[in-house]
Amino acid sequence: MATRVGGFRRKTRHKLAKKPSEKGKISIRKYFQELKKDDSVCFKAEPACQNGMYFPRFHGKTGKIITKKGSCYEVAFKDGNKQKIAIVHPVHLKKVR
């Protein structure tokens, strides 16, 4: 049986890539943003910062903040019919109004 080749970011060439106009330094405001409980957020990856990144399949999904865990946040969201929780760094979260 063949073993799976590749790591966490395999097959994400376009999903986790920035446009040429957006390349450069990470936004400090986004890196240190404070979110409250029950805030609605969208998973939007910052490719330059790998720590605290969610699994790429969840890219674009929306969820609610449950609690803060260290410098990251626990986010509850639905994946199909199943409720899941991801621990995500705030640089990968975009607040939804």
PDB file of N, CA and C in Angstrom:
ATOM      1  N   MET A   1       0.846  -1.184   0.000  1.00  0.00           N
ATOM      2  CA  MET A   1       0.000   0.000   0.000  1.00  0.00           C
ATOM      3  C   MET A   1       0.887   1.243   0.000  1.00  0.00           C
ATOM      4  N   ALA A   2       0.580   2.186  -0.841  1.00  0.00           N
ATOM      5  CA  ALA A   2       1.377   3.408  -0.928  1.00  0.00           C
ATOM      6  C   ALA A   2       1.027   4.353   0.215  1.00  0.00           C
ATOM      7  N   THR A   3       2.043   5.045   0.709  1.00  0.00           N
ATOM      8  CA  THR A   3       1.801   6.016   1.773  1.00  0.00           C
ATOM      9  C   THR A   3       1.528   7.382   1.168  1.00  0.00           C
ATOM     10  N   ARG A   4       0.805   8.179   1.905  1.00  0.00           N
ATOM     11  CA  ARG A   4       0.443   9.511   1.426  1.00  0.00           C
ATOM     12  C   ARG A   4       1.668  10.420   1.446  1.00  0.00           C
ATOM     13  N   VAL A   5       1.932  11.058   0.336  1.00  0.00           N
ATOM     14  CA  VAL A   5       3.085  11.941   0.219  1.00  0.00           C
ATOM     15  C   VAL A   5       2.613  13.379   0.364  1.00  0.00           C
ATOM     16  N   GLY A   6       3.309  14.137   1.158  1.00  0.00           N
ATOM     17  CA  GLY A   6       2.973  15.545   1.304  1.00  0.00           C
ATOM     18  C   GLY A   6       2.620  15.874   2.735  1.00  0.00           C
ATOM     19  N   GLY A   7       2.506  17.143   2.998  1.00  0.00           N
ATOM     20  CA  GLY A   7       2.239  17.609   4.353  1.00  0.00           C
ATOM     21  C   GLY A   7       0.945  18.379   4.464  1.00  0.00           C
ATOM     22  N   PHE A   8       0.954  19.307   5.404  1.00  0.00           N
ATOM     23  CA  PHE A   8      -0.232  20.060   5.766  1.00  0.00           C
ATOM     24  C   PHE A   8      -0.746  20.940   4.633  1.00  0.00           C
ATOM     25  N   ARG A   9       0.164  21.501   3.844  1.00  0.00           N
ATOM     26  CA  ARG A   9      -0.240  22.462   2.816  1.00  0.00           C
ATOM     27  C   ARG A   9      -0.251  21.869   1.412  1.00  0.00           C
ATOM     28  N   ARG A  10      -0.356  20.551   1.290  1.00  0.00           N
ATOM     29  CA  ARG A  10      -0.346  19.941  -0.040  1.00  0.00           C
ATOM     30  C   ARG A  10      -1.624  20.288  -0.801  1.00  0.00           C
ATOM     31  N   LYS A  11      -1.507  20.480  -2.111  1.00  0.00           N
ATOM     32  CA  LYS A  11      -2.618  20.812  -3.014  1.00  0.00           C
ATOM     33  C   LYS A  11      -3.288  22.136  -2.647  1.00  0.00           C
ATOM     34  N   THR A  12      -2.525  23.096  -2.167  1.00  0.00           N
ATOM     35  CA  THR A  12      -3.106  24.390  -1.791  1.00  0.00           C
ATOM     36  C   THR A  12      -2.387  25.525  -2.520  1.00  0.00           C
ATOM     37  N   ARG A  13      -1.905  25.283  -3.722  1.00  0.00           N
ATOM     38  CA  ARG A  13      -1.130  26.288  -4.442  1.00  0.00           C
ATOM     39  C   ARG A  13      -1.908  27.590  -4.620  1.00  0.00           C
ATOM     40  N   HIS A  14      -3.169  27.522  -5.002  1.00  0.00           N
ATOM     41  CA  HIS A  14      -3.943  28.734  -5.244  1.00  0.00           C
ATOM     42  C   HIS A  14      -4.709  29.168  -4.000  1.00  0.00           C
ATOM     43  N   LYS A  15      -5.131  28.209  -3.192  1.00  0.00           N
ATOM     44  CA  LYS A  15      -5.940  28.513  -2.017  1.00  0.00           C
ATOM     45  C   LYS A  15      -5.150  29.322  -0.984  1.00  0.00           C
ATOM     46  N   LEU A  16      -3.892  28.963  -0.760  1.00  0.00           N
ATOM     47  CA  LEU A  16      -3.070  29.630   0.251  1.00  0.00           C
ATOM     48  C   LEU A  16      -2.004  30.508  -0.390  1.00  0.00           C
ATOM     49  N   ALA A  17      -2.328  31.163  -1.487  1.00  0.00           N
ATOM     50  CA  ALA A  17      -1.384  32.057  -2.151  1.00  0.00           C
ATOM     51  C   ALA A  17      -1.932  33.474  -2.143  1.00  0.00           C
ATOM     52  N   LYS A  18      -1.037  34.446  -2.050  1.00  0.00           N
ATOM     53  CA  LYS A  18      -1.439  35.841  -2.111  1.00  0.00           C
ATOM     54  C   LYS A  18      -1.347  36.345  -3.540  1.00  0.00           C
ATOM     55  N   LYS A  19      -2.122  37.362  -3.830  1.00  0.00           N
ATOM     56  CA  LYS A  19      -1.996  38.031  -5.114  1.00  0.00           C
ATOM     57  C   LYS A  19      -0.708  38.858  -5.075  1.00  0.00           C
ATOM     58  N   PRO A  20      -0.097  39.110  -6.227  1.00  0.00           N
ATOM     59  CA  PRO A  20       1.156  39.873  -6.227  1.00  0.00           C
ATOM     60  C   PRO A  20       1.031  41.260  -5.591  1.00  0.00           C
ATOM     61  N   SER A  21      -0.135  41.888  -5.688  1.00  0.00           N
ATOM     62  CA  SER A  21      -0.298  43.214  -5.093  1.00  0.00           C
ATOM     63  C   SER A  21      -0.410  43.162  -3.570  1.00  0.00           C
ATOM     64  N   GLU A  22      -0.741  41.993  -3.007  1.00  0.00           N
ATOM     65  CA  GLU A  22      -0.918  41.860  -1.557  1.00  0.00           C
ATOM     66  C   GLU A  22       0.325  41.349  -0.841  1.00  0.00           C
ATOM     67  N   LYS A  23       1.347  40.944  -1.598  1.00  0.00           N
ATOM     68  CA  LYS A  23       2.541  40.377  -0.980  1.00  0.00           C
ATOM     69  C   LYS A  23       3.289  41.437  -0.187  1.00  0.00           C
ATOM     70  N   GLY A  24       3.955  40.987   0.858  1.00  0.00           N
ATOM     71  CA  GLY A  24       4.724  41.905   1.698  1.00  0.00           C
ATOM     72  C   GLY A  24       4.562  41.560   3.150  1.00  0.00           C
ATOM     73  N   LYS A  25       4.614  42.564   3.988  1.00  0.00           N
ATOM     74  CA  LYS A  25       4.557  42.339   5.429  1.00  0.00           C
ATOM     75  C   LYS A  25       3.138  42.023   5.881  1.00  0.00           C
ATOM     76  N   ILE A  26       3.052  41.350   7.035  1.00  0.00           N
ATOM     77  CA  ILE A  26       1.768  40.999   7.632  1.00  0.00           C
ATOM     78  C   ILE A  26       1.216  42.230   8.337  1.00  0.00           C
ATOM     79  N   SER A  27      -0.087  42.414   8.275  1.00  0.00           N
ATOM     80  CA  SER A  27      -0.743  43.524   8.957  1.00  0.00           C
ATOM     81  C   SER A  27      -0.681  43.305  10.465  1.00  0.00           C
ATOM     82  N   ILE A  28      -0.098  44.258  11.188  1.00  0.00           N
ATOM     83  CA  ILE A  28       0.000  44.174  12.646  1.00  0.00           C
ATOM     84  C   ILE A  28      -1.382  44.257  13.268  1.00  0.00           C
ATOM     85  N   ARG A  29      -2.258  45.063  12.706  1.00  0.00           N
ATOM     86  CA  ARG A  29      -3.618  45.211  13.220  1.00  0.00           C
ATOM     87  C   ARG A  29      -4.358  43.875  13.171  1.00  0.00           C
ATOM     88  N   LYS A  30      -4.194  43.142  12.082  1.00  0.00           N
ATOM     89  CA  LYS A  30      -4.848  41.847  11.939  1.00  0.00           C
ATOM     90  C   LYS A  30      -4.209  40.797  12.850  1.00  0.00           C
ATOM     91  N   TYR A  31      -2.902  40.877  13.044  1.00  0.00           N
ATOM     92  CA  TYR A  31      -2.173  39.911  13.869  1.00  0.00           C
ATOM     93  C   TYR A  31      -2.586  39.999  15.333  1.00  0.00           C
ATOM     94  N   PHE A  32      -2.797  41.229  15.822  1.00  0.00           N
ATOM     95  CA  PHE A  32      -3.130  41.443  17.231  1.00  0.00           C
ATOM     96  C   PHE A  32      -4.595  41.783  17.456  1.00  0.00           C
ATOM     97  N   GLN A  33      -5.480  41.491  16.505  1.00  0.00           N
ATOM     98  CA  GLN A  33      -6.887  41.849  16.666  1.00  0.00           C
ATOM     99  C   GLN A  33      -7.518  41.092  17.832  1.00  0.00           C
ATOM    100  N   GLU A  34      -8.390  41.774  18.550  1.00  0.00           N
ATOM    101  CA  GLU A  34      -9.103  41.178  19.683  1.00  0.00           C
ATOM    102  C   GLU A  34     -10.527  40.847  19.245  1.00  0.00           C
ATOM    103  N   LEU A  35     -10.955  39.640  19.527  1.00  0.00           N
ATOM    104  CA  LEU A  35     -12.298  39.192  19.187  1.00  0.00           C
ATOM    105  C   LEU A  35     -13.026  38.812  20.469  1.00  0.00           C
ATOM    106  N   LYS A  36     -14.336  38.996  20.462  1.00  0.00           N
ATOM    107  CA  LYS A  36     -15.141  38.679  21.641  1.00  0.00           C
ATOM    108  C   LYS A  36     -15.897  37.377  21.423  1.00  0.00           C
ATOM    109  N   LYS A  37     -16.431  36.838  22.524  1.00  0.00           N
ATOM    110  CA  LYS A  37     -17.235  35.620  22.448  1.00  0.00           C
ATOM    111  C   LYS A  37     -18.479  35.891  21.597  1.00  0.00           C
ATOM    112  N   ASP A  38     -18.872  34.916  20.814  1.00  0.00           N
ATOM    113  CA  ASP A  38     -20.023  34.962  19.910  1.00  0.00           C
ATOM    114  C   ASP A  38     -19.834  35.894  18.721  1.00  0.00           C
ATOM    115  N   ASP A  39     -18.614  36.381  18.475  1.00  0.00           N
ATOM    116  CA  ASP A  39     -18.341  37.116  17.242  1.00  0.00           C
ATOM    117  C   ASP A  39     -18.356  36.134  16.077  1.00  0.00           C
ATOM    118  N   SER A  40     -18.926  36.547  14.972  1.00  0.00           N
ATOM    119  CA  SER A  40     -18.950  35.727  13.773  1.00  0.00           C
ATOM    120  C   SER A  40     -17.686  36.017  12.960  1.00  0.00           C
ATOM    121  N   VAL A  41     -16.939  34.964  12.616  1.00  0.00           N
ATOM    122  CA  VAL A  41     -15.681  35.119  11.897  1.00  0.00           C
ATOM    123  C   VAL A  41     -15.635  34.178  10.698  1.00  0.00           C
ATOM    124  N   CYS A  42     -14.806  34.548   9.740  1.00  0.00           N
ATOM    125  CA  CYS A  42     -14.598  33.751   8.539  1.00  0.00           C
ATOM    126  C   CYS A  42     -13.142  33.296   8.522  1.00  0.00           C
ATOM    127  N   PHE A  43     -12.909  32.042   8.117  1.00  0.00           N
ATOM    128  CA  PHE A  43     -11.545  31.540   7.984  1.00  0.00           C
ATOM    129  C   PHE A  43     -10.940  32.106   6.707  1.00  0.00           C
ATOM    130  N   LYS A  44      -9.924  32.938   6.871  1.00  0.00           N
ATOM    131  CA  LYS A  44      -9.218  33.520   5.726  1.00  0.00           C
ATOM    132  C   LYS A  44      -7.726  33.449   6.039  1.00  0.00           C
ATOM    133  N   ALA A  45      -7.025  32.521   5.407  1.00  0.00           N
ATOM    134  CA  ALA A  45      -5.642  32.225   5.754  1.00  0.00           C
ATOM    135  C   ALA A  45      -4.697  33.357   5.387  1.00  0.00           C
ATOM    136  N   GLU A  46      -3.713  33.570   6.239  1.00  0.00           N
ATOM    137  CA  GLU A  46      -2.585  34.461   5.958  1.00  0.00           C
ATOM    138  C   GLU A  46      -1.404  33.539   5.639  1.00  0.00           C
ATOM    139  N   PRO A  47      -1.066  33.369   4.357  1.00  0.00           N
ATOM    140  CA  PRO A  47      -0.077  32.365   3.968  1.00  0.00           C
ATOM    141  C   PRO A  47       1.324  32.623   4.510  1.00  0.00           C
ATOM    142  N   ALA A  48       1.650  33.875   4.828  1.00  0.00           N
ATOM    143  CA  ALA A  48       2.984  34.181   5.315  1.00  0.00           C
ATOM    144  C   ALA A  48       3.196  33.735   6.754  1.00  0.00           C
ATOM    145  N   CYS A  49       2.117  33.465   7.470  1.00  0.00           N
ATOM    146  CA  CYS A  49       2.195  33.090   8.879  1.00  0.00           C
ATOM    147  C   CYS A  49       1.605  31.695   9.042  1.00  0.00           C
ATOM    148  N   GLN A  50       2.471  30.687   9.279  1.00  0.00           N
ATOM    149  CA  GLN A  50       1.981  29.311   9.313  1.00  0.00           C
ATOM    150  C   GLN A  50       1.459  28.890  10.683  1.00  0.00           C
ATOM    151  N   ASN A  51       1.929  29.546  11.757  1.00  0.00           N
ATOM    152  CA  ASN A  51       1.513  29.083  13.084  1.00  0.00           C
ATOM    153  C   ASN A  51       0.052  29.416  13.344  1.00  0.00           C
ATOM    154  N   GLY A  52      -0.659  28.476  13.943  1.00  0.00           N
ATOM    155  CA  GLY A  52      -2.069  28.680  14.268  1.00  0.00           C
ATOM    156  C   GLY A  52      -2.992  28.628  13.075  1.00  0.00           C
ATOM    157  N   MET A  53      -2.540  28.019  11.976  1.00  0.00           N
ATOM    158  CA  MET A  53      -3.386  27.940  10.785  1.00  0.00           C
ATOM    159  C   MET A  53      -4.321  26.737  10.902  1.00  0.00           C
ATOM    160  N   TYR A  54      -5.529  26.884  10.397  1.00  0.00           N
ATOM    161  CA  TYR A  54      -6.517  25.816  10.384  1.00  0.00           C
ATOM    162  C   TYR A  54      -6.237  24.873   9.227  1.00  0.00           C
ATOM    163  N   PHE A  55      -6.966  23.760   9.175  1.00  0.00           N
ATOM    164  CA  PHE A  55      -6.805  22.827   8.063  1.00  0.00           C
ATOM    165  C   PHE A  55      -7.362  23.475   6.800  1.00  0.00           C
ATOM    166  N   PRO A  56      -6.646  23.411   5.663  1.00  0.00           N
ATOM    167  CA  PRO A  56      -7.040  24.145   4.457  1.00  0.00           C
ATOM    168  C   PRO A  56      -8.435  23.826   3.910  1.00  0.00           C
ATOM    169  N   ARG A  57      -9.001  22.677   4.259  1.00  0.00           N
ATOM    170  CA  ARG A  57     -10.350  22.342   3.794  1.00  0.00           C
ATOM    171  C   ARG A  57     -11.390  23.313   4.336  1.00  0.00           C
ATOM    172  N   PHE A  58     -11.103  23.957   5.472  1.00  0.00           N
ATOM    173  CA  PHE A  58     -12.065  24.850   6.111  1.00  0.00           C
ATOM    174  C   PHE A  58     -11.965  26.292   5.603  1.00  0.00           C
ATOM    175  N   HIS A  59     -11.160  26.532   4.580  1.00  0.00           N
ATOM    176  CA  HIS A  59     -10.949  27.880   4.051  1.00  0.00           C
ATOM    177  C   HIS A  59     -12.264  28.464   3.531  1.00  0.00           C
ATOM    178  N   GLY A  60     -12.641  29.640   4.029  1.00  0.00           N
ATOM    179  CA  GLY A  60     -13.850  30.317   3.588  1.00  0.00           C
ATOM    180  C   GLY A  60     -15.063  30.028   4.445  1.00  0.00           C
ATOM    181  N   LYS A  61     -14.978  29.080   5.367  1.00  0.00           N
ATOM    182  CA  LYS A  61     -16.118  28.765   6.231  1.00  0.00           C
ATOM    183  C   LYS A  61     -16.264  29.829   7.312  1.00  0.00           C
ATOM    184  N   THR A  62     -17.475  29.983   7.831  1.00  0.00           N
ATOM    185  CA  THR A  62     -17.723  30.933   8.906  1.00  0.00           C
ATOM    186  C   THR A  62     -18.117  30.187  10.164  1.00  0.00           C
ATOM    187  N   GLY A  63     -17.803  30.796  11.295  1.00  0.00           N
ATOM    188  CA  GLY A  63     -18.125  30.186  12.579  1.00  0.00           C
ATOM    189  C   GLY A  63     -18.220  31.247  13.655  1.00  0.00           C
ATOM    190  N   LYS A  64     -18.396  30.800  14.902  1.00  0.00           N
ATOM    191  CA  LYS A  64     -18.502  31.706  16.040  1.00  0.00           C
ATOM    192  C   LYS A  64     -17.387  31.440  17.016  1.00  0.00           C
ATOM    193  N   ILE A  65     -16.883  32.526  17.640  1.00  0.00           N
ATOM    194  CA  ILE A  65     -15.841  32.420  18.650  1.00  0.00           C
ATOM    195  C   ILE A  65     -16.453  31.820  19.916  1.00  0.00           C
ATOM    196  N   ILE A  66     -15.796  30.782  20.447  1.00  0.00           N
ATOM    197  CA  ILE A  66     -16.244  30.182  21.704  1.00  0.00           C
ATOM    198  C   ILE A  66     -15.472  30.791  22.870  1.00  0.00           C
ATOM    199  N   THR A  67     -14.144  30.727  22.794  1.00  0.00           N
ATOM    200  CA  THR A  67     -13.299  31.224  23.874  1.00  0.00           C
ATOM    201  C   THR A  67     -11.901  31.519  23.340  1.00  0.00           C
ATOM    202  N   LYS A  68     -11.112  32.171  24.172  1.00  0.00           N
ATOM    203  CA  LYS A  68      -9.724  32.441  23.825  1.00  0.00           C
ATOM    204  C   LYS A  68      -8.853  31.398  24.503  1.00  0.00           C
ATOM    205  N   LYS A  69      -7.876  30.887  23.791  1.00  0.00           N
ATOM    206  CA  LYS A  69      -6.974  29.863  24.322  1.00  0.00           C
ATOM    207  C   LYS A  69      -5.546  30.307  24.015  1.00  0.00           C
ATOM    208  N   GLY A  70      -4.899  30.929  24.992  1.00  0.00           N
ATOM    209  CA  GLY A  70      -3.568  31.486  24.776  1.00  0.00           C
ATOM    210  C   GLY A  70      -3.686  32.705  23.883  1.00  0.00           C
ATOM    211  N   SER A  71      -2.945  32.713  22.784  1.00  0.00           N
ATOM    212  CA  SER A  71      -3.056  33.821  21.833  1.00  0.00           C
ATOM    213  C   SER A  71      -4.034  33.492  20.712  1.00  0.00           C
ATOM    214  N   CYS A  72      -4.574  32.261  20.714  1.00  0.00           N
ATOM    215  CA  CYS A  72      -5.493  31.805  19.667  1.00  0.00           C
ATOM    216  C   CYS A  72      -6.940  31.805  20.165  1.00  0.00           C
ATOM    217  N   TYR A  73      -7.847  31.492  19.254  1.00  0.00           N
ATOM    218  CA  TYR A  73      -9.269  31.434  19.573  1.00  0.00           C
ATOM    219  C   TYR A  73      -9.835  30.082  19.174  1.00  0.00           C
ATOM    220  N   GLU A  74     -10.793  29.591  19.956  1.00  0.00           N
ATOM    221  CA  GLU A  74     -11.540  28.396  19.585  1.00  0.00           C
ATOM    222  C   GLU A  74     -12.746  28.849  18.782  1.00  0.00           C
ATOM    223  N   VAL A  75     -12.897  28.305  17.594  1.00  0.00           N
ATOM    224  CA  VAL A  75     -13.987  28.690  16.700  1.00  0.00           C
ATOM    225  C   VAL A  75     -14.842  27.458  16.413  1.00  0.00           C
ATOM    226  N   ALA A  76     -16.146  27.569  16.661  1.00  0.00           N
ATOM    227  CA  ALA A  76     -17.084  26.484  16.351  1.00  0.00           C
ATOM    228  C   ALA A  76     -17.722  26.767  14.996  1.00  0.00           C
ATOM    229  N   PHE A  77     -17.770  25.738  14.152  1.00  0.00           N
ATOM    230  CA  PHE A  77     -18.352  25.896  12.816  1.00  0.00           C
ATOM    231  C   PHE A  77     -18.911  24.561  12.384  1.00  0.00           C
ATOM    232  N   LYS A  78     -19.717  24.576  11.327  1.00  0.00           N
ATOM    233  CA  LYS A  78     -20.306  23.341  10.798  1.00  0.00           C
ATOM    234  C   LYS A  78     -19.539  22.906   9.560  1.00  0.00           C
ATOM    235  N   ASP A  79     -19.171  21.627   9.553  1.00  0.00           N
ATOM    236  CA  ASP A  79     -18.535  21.015   8.396  1.00  0.00           C
ATOM    237  C   ASP A  79     -19.495  19.942   7.908  1.00  0.00           C
ATOM    238  N   GLY A  80     -20.319  20.281   6.944  1.00  0.00           N
ATOM    239  CA  GLY A  80     -21.400  19.401   6.538  1.00  0.00           C
ATOM    240  C   GLY A  80     -22.488  19.477   7.599  1.00  0.00           C
ATOM    241  N   ASN A  81     -22.828  18.338   8.209  1.00  0.00           N
ATOM    242  CA  ASN A  81     -23.809  18.326   9.290  1.00  0.00           C
ATOM    243  C   ASN A  81     -23.152  18.231  10.651  1.00  0.00           C
ATOM    244  N   LYS A  82     -21.818  18.176  10.692  1.00  0.00           N
ATOM    245  CA  LYS A  82     -21.107  17.963  11.944  1.00  0.00           C
ATOM    246  C   LYS A  82     -20.576  19.281  12.503  1.00  0.00           C
ATOM    247  N   GLN A  83     -20.750  19.481  13.800  1.00  0.00           N
ATOM    248  CA  GLN A  83     -20.222  20.665  14.481  1.00  0.00           C
ATOM    249  C   GLN A  83     -18.765  20.397  14.836  1.00  0.00           C
ATOM    250  N   LYS A  84     -17.867  21.294  14.462  1.00  0.00           N
ATOM    251  CA  LYS A  84     -16.447  21.118  14.736  1.00  0.00           C
ATOM    252  C   LYS A  84     -15.894  22.348  15.431  1.00  0.00           C
ATOM    253  N   ILE A  85     -14.757  22.163  16.092  1.00  0.00           N
ATOM    254  CA  ILE A  85     -14.064  23.256  16.777  1.00  0.00           C
ATOM    255  C   ILE A  85     -12.635  23.296  16.266  1.00  0.00           C
ATOM    256  N   ALA A  86     -12.177  24.481  15.875  1.00  0.00           N
ATOM    257  CA  ALA A  86     -10.805  24.668  15.425  1.00  0.00           C
ATOM    258  C   ALA A  86     -10.148  25.717  16.313  1.00  0.00           C
ATOM    259  N   ILE A  87      -8.855  25.525  16.605  1.00  0.00           N
ATOM    260  CA  ILE A  87      -8.083  26.499  17.359  1.00  0.00           C
ATOM    261  C   ILE A  87      -7.262  27.278  16.337  1.00  0.00           C
ATOM    262  N   VAL A  88      -7.569  28.580  16.194  1.00  0.00           N
ATOM    263  CA  VAL A  88      -7.017  29.380  15.099  1.00  0.00           C
ATOM    264  C   VAL A  88      -6.418  30.677  15.637  1.00  0.00           C
ATOM    265  N   HIS A  89      -5.281  31.061  15.089  1.00  0.00           N
ATOM    266  CA  HIS A  89      -4.650  32.337  15.428  1.00  0.00           C
ATOM    267  C   HIS A  89      -5.455  33.469  14.786  1.00  0.00           C
ATOM    268  N   PRO A  90      -5.568  34.625  15.447  1.00  0.00           N
ATOM    269  CA  PRO A  90      -6.404  35.702  14.907  1.00  0.00           C
ATOM    270  C   PRO A  90      -5.974  36.262  13.557  1.00  0.00           C
ATOM    271  N   VAL A  91      -4.713  36.027  13.157  1.00  0.00           N
ATOM    272  CA  VAL A  91      -4.272  36.520  11.849  1.00  0.00           C
ATOM    273  C   VAL A  91      -4.998  35.796  10.718  1.00  0.00           C
ATOM    274  N   HIS A  92      -5.550  34.609  10.995  1.00  0.00           N
ATOM    275  CA  HIS A  92      -6.261  33.827   9.980  1.00  0.00           C
ATOM    276  C   HIS A  92      -7.772  33.997  10.065  1.00  0.00           C
ATOM    277  N   LEU A  93      -8.248  34.935  10.876  1.00  0.00           N
ATOM    278  CA  LEU A  93      -9.676  35.149  11.047  1.00  0.00           C
ATOM    279  C   LEU A  93     -10.080  36.543  10.560  1.00  0.00           C
ATOM    280  N   LYS A  94     -11.225  36.612   9.902  1.00  0.00           N
ATOM    281  CA  LYS A  94     -11.772  37.883   9.432  1.00  0.00           C
ATOM    282  C   LYS A  94     -13.141  38.048  10.039  1.00  0.00           C
ATOM    283  N   LYS A  95     -13.354  39.157  10.734  1.00  0.00           N
ATOM    284  CA  LYS A  95     -14.626  39.394  11.407  1.00  0.00           C
ATOM    285  C   LYS A  95     -15.718  39.655  10.381  1.00  0.00           C
ATOM    286  N   VAL A  96     -16.863  38.972  10.570  1.00  0.00           N
ATOM    287  CA  VAL A  96     -18.019  39.126   9.682  1.00  0.00           C
ATOM    288  C   VAL A  96     -19.054  39.953  10.408  1.00  0.00           C
ATOM    289  N   ARG A  97     -19.639  40.914   9.727  1.00  0.00           N
ATOM    290  CA  ARG A  97     -20.622  41.789  10.370  1.00  0.00           C
ATOM    291  C   ARG A  97     -21.974  41.186  10.391  1.00  0.00           C
TER     292      ARG A  97
END
